[in-house]
Amino acid sequence: MTFLYAATVAIVAGAGIYMILARNVMRIVMGVALLAAAANLLIFLSGRLVSVSPPIIPDGAETLAETAANPLPQALVLTAIVIGFALTAFAVALAVKAYRSLGTLDAGAMHDAEDLGSPFAAATDTKQG
């Protein structure tokens, strides 16, 4: 069963990396979201899926029982979900603004900043003259 979970994480991460390598900005954004989902799955699976007792320390004990669920990966995944959603929402808003400004979502055609030239070229010309 562990192999199945590992293969699932690998497939989702591979699909995310494949989409990140595309030229379309929306595919890149969705690839980042898939990669974040793969990382969340990996963290979640590291905390054991099957546990027989809740993560409560009984009276007189100082640590959790061996069979208790680990609450740390669950907390990390919840935090990562919120951060991943915020990153995806920001990237989508940025892609929409870029599409409205440039008229394309092709990353290879987005070169308006390159057409303006280097801001450092003007600074070096004034220092030399």
C-alpha atoms as a PDB file:
ATOM      1  CA  MET A   1       0.000   0.000   0.000  1.00  0.00           C
ATOM      2  CA  THR A   2       2.917   2.338   0.672  1.00  0.00           C
ATOM      3  CA  PHE A   3       4.095   1.840  -2.901  1.00  0.00           C
ATOM      4  CA  LEU A   4       0.687   2.924  -4.168  1.00  0.00           C
ATOM      5  CA  TYR A   5       0.815   6.119  -2.098  1.00  0.00           C
ATOM      6  CA  ALA A   6       4.367   6.848  -3.236  1.00  0.00           C
ATOM      7  CA  ALA A   7       3.421   6.250  -6.874  1.00  0.00           C
ATOM      8  CA  THR A   8       0.429   8.579  -6.518  1.00  0.00           C
ATOM      9  CA  VAL A   9       2.587  11.364  -5.098  1.00  0.00           C
ATOM     10  CA  ALA A  10       5.165  10.798  -7.846  1.00  0.00           C
ATOM     11  CA  ILE A  11       2.533  10.925 -10.587  1.00  0.00           C
ATOM     12  CA  VAL A  12       0.970  14.121  -9.249  1.00  0.00           C
ATOM     13  CA  ALA A  13       4.393  15.755  -8.806  1.00  0.00           C
ATOM     14  CA  GLY A  14       5.466  14.652 -12.292  1.00  0.00           C
ATOM     15  CA  ALA A  15       2.291  16.069 -13.824  1.00  0.00           C
ATOM     16  CA  GLY A  16       2.900  19.335 -11.963  1.00  0.00           C
ATOM     17  CA  ILE A  17       6.488  19.595 -13.208  1.00  0.00           C
ATOM     18  CA  TYR A  18       5.377  18.770 -16.753  1.00  0.00           C
ATOM     19  CA  MET A  19       2.795  21.560 -16.621  1.00  0.00           C
ATOM     20  CA  ILE A  20       5.310  24.048 -15.167  1.00  0.00           C
ATOM     21  CA  LEU A  21       7.542  23.498 -18.203  1.00  0.00           C
ATOM     22  CA  ALA A  22       4.765  24.663 -20.579  1.00  0.00           C
ATOM     23  CA  ARG A  23       4.738  28.091 -22.246  1.00  0.00           C
ATOM     24  CA  ASN A  24       1.153  28.927 -21.331  1.00  0.00           C
ATOM     25  CA  VAL A  25       0.932  30.925 -18.104  1.00  0.00           C
ATOM     26  CA  MET A  26      -2.282  29.249 -16.935  1.00  0.00           C
ATOM     27  CA  ARG A  27      -0.705  25.804 -17.367  1.00  0.00           C
ATOM     28  CA  ILE A  28       2.232  27.023 -15.282  1.00  0.00           C
ATOM     29  CA  VAL A  29      -0.132  28.201 -12.544  1.00  0.00           C
ATOM     30  CA  MET A  30      -1.996  24.888 -12.556  1.00  0.00           C
ATOM     31  CA  GLY A  31       1.340  23.031 -12.485  1.00  0.00           C
ATOM     32  CA  VAL A  32       2.386  24.949  -9.374  1.00  0.00           C
ATOM     33  CA  ALA A  33      -0.960  24.055  -7.780  1.00  0.00           C
ATOM     34  CA  LEU A  34      -0.421  20.364  -8.629  1.00  0.00           C
ATOM     35  CA  LEU A  35       3.099  20.460  -7.222  1.00  0.00           C
ATOM     36  CA  ALA A  36       1.758  22.005  -4.012  1.00  0.00           C
ATOM     37  CA  ALA A  37      -0.869  19.251  -3.817  1.00  0.00           C
ATOM     38  CA  ALA A  38       1.849  16.615  -4.218  1.00  0.00           C
ATOM     39  CA  ALA A  39       3.858  18.199  -1.414  1.00  0.00           C
ATOM     40  CA  ASN A  40       0.750  18.253   0.785  1.00  0.00           C
ATOM     41  CA  LEU A  41       0.118  14.566   0.079  1.00  0.00           C
ATOM     42  CA  LEU A  42       3.715  13.719   0.910  1.00  0.00           C
ATOM     43  CA  ILE A  43       3.592  15.567   4.227  1.00  0.00           C
ATOM     44  CA  PHE A  44       0.216  14.056   5.075  1.00  0.00           C
ATOM     45  CA  LEU A  45       1.366  10.523   4.281  1.00  0.00           C
ATOM     46  CA  SER A  46       4.455  10.948   6.449  1.00  0.00           C
ATOM     47  CA  GLY A  47       2.204  11.253   9.508  1.00  0.00           C
ATOM     48  CA  ARG A  48       0.720   7.752   9.235  1.00  0.00           C
ATOM     49  CA  LEU A  49      -2.734   7.267   7.786  1.00  0.00           C
ATOM     50  CA  VAL A  50      -3.849   4.461  10.042  1.00  0.00           C
ATOM     51  CA  SER A  51      -3.804   5.155  13.751  1.00  0.00           C
ATOM     52  CA  VAL A  52      -5.899   3.599  16.466  1.00  0.00           C
ATOM     53  CA  SER A  53      -5.872   6.355  19.081  1.00  0.00           C
ATOM     54  CA  PRO A  54      -6.200  10.134  19.011  1.00  0.00           C
ATOM     55  CA  PRO A  55      -3.166  12.335  19.693  1.00  0.00           C
ATOM     56  CA  ILE A  56      -3.920  12.807  23.396  1.00  0.00           C
ATOM     57  CA  ILE A  57      -1.315  12.225  26.086  1.00  0.00           C
ATOM     58  CA  PRO A  58      -2.882  10.119  28.851  1.00  0.00           C
ATOM     59  CA  ASP A  59      -2.568  10.977  32.553  1.00  0.00           C
ATOM     60  CA  GLY A  60       0.780   9.961  33.982  1.00  0.00           C
ATOM     61  CA  ALA A  61       2.498   9.700  30.580  1.00  0.00           C
ATOM     62  CA  GLU A  62       4.941  12.186  29.080  1.00  0.00           C
ATOM     63  CA  THR A  63       4.694  11.282  25.389  1.00  0.00           C
ATOM     64  CA  LEU A  64       2.131  10.085  22.885  1.00  0.00           C
ATOM     65  CA  ALA A  65       1.452   6.387  22.526  1.00  0.00           C
ATOM     66  CA  GLU A  66       3.116   4.533  19.653  1.00  0.00           C
ATOM     67  CA  THR A  67      -0.210   4.004  17.921  1.00  0.00           C
ATOM     68  CA  ALA A  68      -1.365   7.626  18.271  1.00  0.00           C
ATOM     69  CA  ALA A  69      -1.843   9.871  15.277  1.00  0.00           C
ATOM     70  CA  ASN A  70       0.833  12.495  14.731  1.00  0.00           C
ATOM     71  CA  PRO A  71      -0.825  15.938  14.754  1.00  0.00           C
ATOM     72  CA  LEU A  72       2.189  17.824  13.341  1.00  0.00           C
ATOM     73  CA  PRO A  73       1.852  16.719   9.677  1.00  0.00           C
ATOM     74  CA  GLN A  74      -1.856  17.512   9.807  1.00  0.00           C
ATOM     75  CA  ALA A  75      -1.138  21.033  11.047  1.00  0.00           C
ATOM     76  CA  LEU A  76       1.578  21.496   8.426  1.00  0.00           C
ATOM     77  CA  VAL A  77      -0.752  20.366   5.643  1.00  0.00           C
ATOM     78  CA  LEU A  78      -3.502  22.737   6.774  1.00  0.00           C
ATOM     79  CA  THR A  79      -1.020  25.614   6.730  1.00  0.00           C
ATOM     80  CA  ALA A  80       0.346  24.543   3.342  1.00  0.00           C
ATOM     81  CA  ILE A  81      -3.177  24.365   1.882  1.00  0.00           C
ATOM     82  CA  VAL A  82      -3.851  27.966   2.898  1.00  0.00           C
ATOM     83  CA  ILE A  83      -0.507  29.182   1.563  1.00  0.00           C
ATOM     84  CA  GLY A  84      -0.928  27.200  -1.667  1.00  0.00           C
ATOM     85  CA  PHE A  85      -4.411  28.633  -2.214  1.00  0.00           C
ATOM     86  CA  ALA A  86      -3.134  32.176  -1.662  1.00  0.00           C
ATOM     87  CA  LEU A  87      -0.242  31.595  -4.075  1.00  0.00           C
ATOM     88  CA  THR A  88      -2.572  30.160  -6.720  1.00  0.00           C
ATOM     89  CA  ALA A  89      -5.069  33.015  -6.331  1.00  0.00           C
ATOM     90  CA  PHE A  90      -2.284  35.602  -6.657  1.00  0.00           C
ATOM     91  CA  ALA A  91      -0.807  33.862  -9.693  1.00  0.00           C
ATOM     92  CA  VAL A  92      -4.217  33.684 -11.407  1.00  0.00           C
ATOM     93  CA  ALA A  93      -4.818  37.392 -10.714  1.00  0.00           C
ATOM     94  CA  LEU A  94      -1.361  38.170 -12.109  1.00  0.00           C
ATOM     95  CA  ALA A  95      -2.049  36.064 -15.211  1.00  0.00           C
ATOM     96  CA  VAL A  96      -5.396  37.824 -15.784  1.00  0.00           C
ATOM     97  CA  LYS A  97      -3.699  41.225 -15.495  1.00  0.00           C
ATOM     98  CA  ALA A  98      -0.940  40.125 -17.873  1.00  0.00           C
ATOM     99  CA  TYR A  99      -3.532  38.894 -20.376  1.00  0.00           C
ATOM    100  CA  ARG A 100      -5.407  42.182 -20.209  1.00  0.00           C
ATOM    101  CA  SER A 101      -2.200  44.182 -20.623  1.00  0.00           C
ATOM    102  CA  LEU A 102      -0.388  42.074 -23.214  1.00  0.00           C
ATOM    103  CA  GLY A 103      -3.225  40.225 -24.921  1.00  0.00           C
ATOM    104  CA  THR A 104      -1.561  36.827 -24.638  1.00  0.00           C
ATOM    105  CA  LEU A 105      -0.861  34.086 -22.125  1.00  0.00           C
ATOM    106  CA  ASP A 106       2.156  32.733 -24.021  1.00  0.00           C
ATOM    107  CA  ALA A 107       5.208  33.233 -21.819  1.00  0.00           C
ATOM    108  CA  GLY A 108       7.464  33.438 -24.876  1.00  0.00           C
ATOM    109  CA  ALA A 109       5.529  36.426 -26.240  1.00  0.00           C
ATOM    110  CA  MET A 110       5.628  38.380 -22.990  1.00  0.00           C
ATOM    111  CA  HIS A 111       8.681  40.523 -23.629  1.00  0.00           C
ATOM    112  CA  ASP A 112       7.497  44.120 -23.149  1.00  0.00           C
ATOM    113  CA  ALA A 113       9.988  44.683 -20.327  1.00  0.00           C
ATOM    114  CA  GLU A 114      12.830  43.519 -22.579  1.00  0.00           C
ATOM    115  CA  ASP A 115      11.766  45.997 -25.262  1.00  0.00           C
ATOM    116  CA  LEU A 116      12.244  48.883 -22.820  1.00  0.00           C
ATOM    117  CA  GLY A 117      15.917  48.017 -22.394  1.00  0.00           C
ATOM    118  CA  SER A 118      18.048  47.792 -19.289  1.00  0.00           C
ATOM    119  CA  PRO A 119      17.548  50.410 -16.573  1.00  0.00           C
ATOM    120  CA  PHE A 120      21.214  50.051 -15.703  1.00  0.00           C
ATOM    121  CA  ALA A 121      22.398  51.068 -19.168  1.00  0.00           C
ATOM    122  CA  ALA A 122      21.257  54.673 -18.614  1.00  0.00           C
ATOM    123  CA  ALA A 123      22.891  54.788 -15.187  1.00  0.00           C
ATOM    124  CA  THR A 124      26.276  53.702 -16.547  1.00  0.00           C
ATOM    125  CA  ASP A 125      26.087  56.198 -19.424  1.00  0.00           C
ATOM    126  CA  THR A 126      25.604  59.134 -17.030  1.00  0.00           C
ATOM    127  CA  LYS A 127      28.473  58.039 -14.777  1.00  0.00           C
ATOM    128  CA  GLN A 128      30.926  57.748 -17.659  1.00  0.00           C
ATOM    129  CA  GLY A 129      30.074  61.103 -19.293  1.00  0.00           C
END
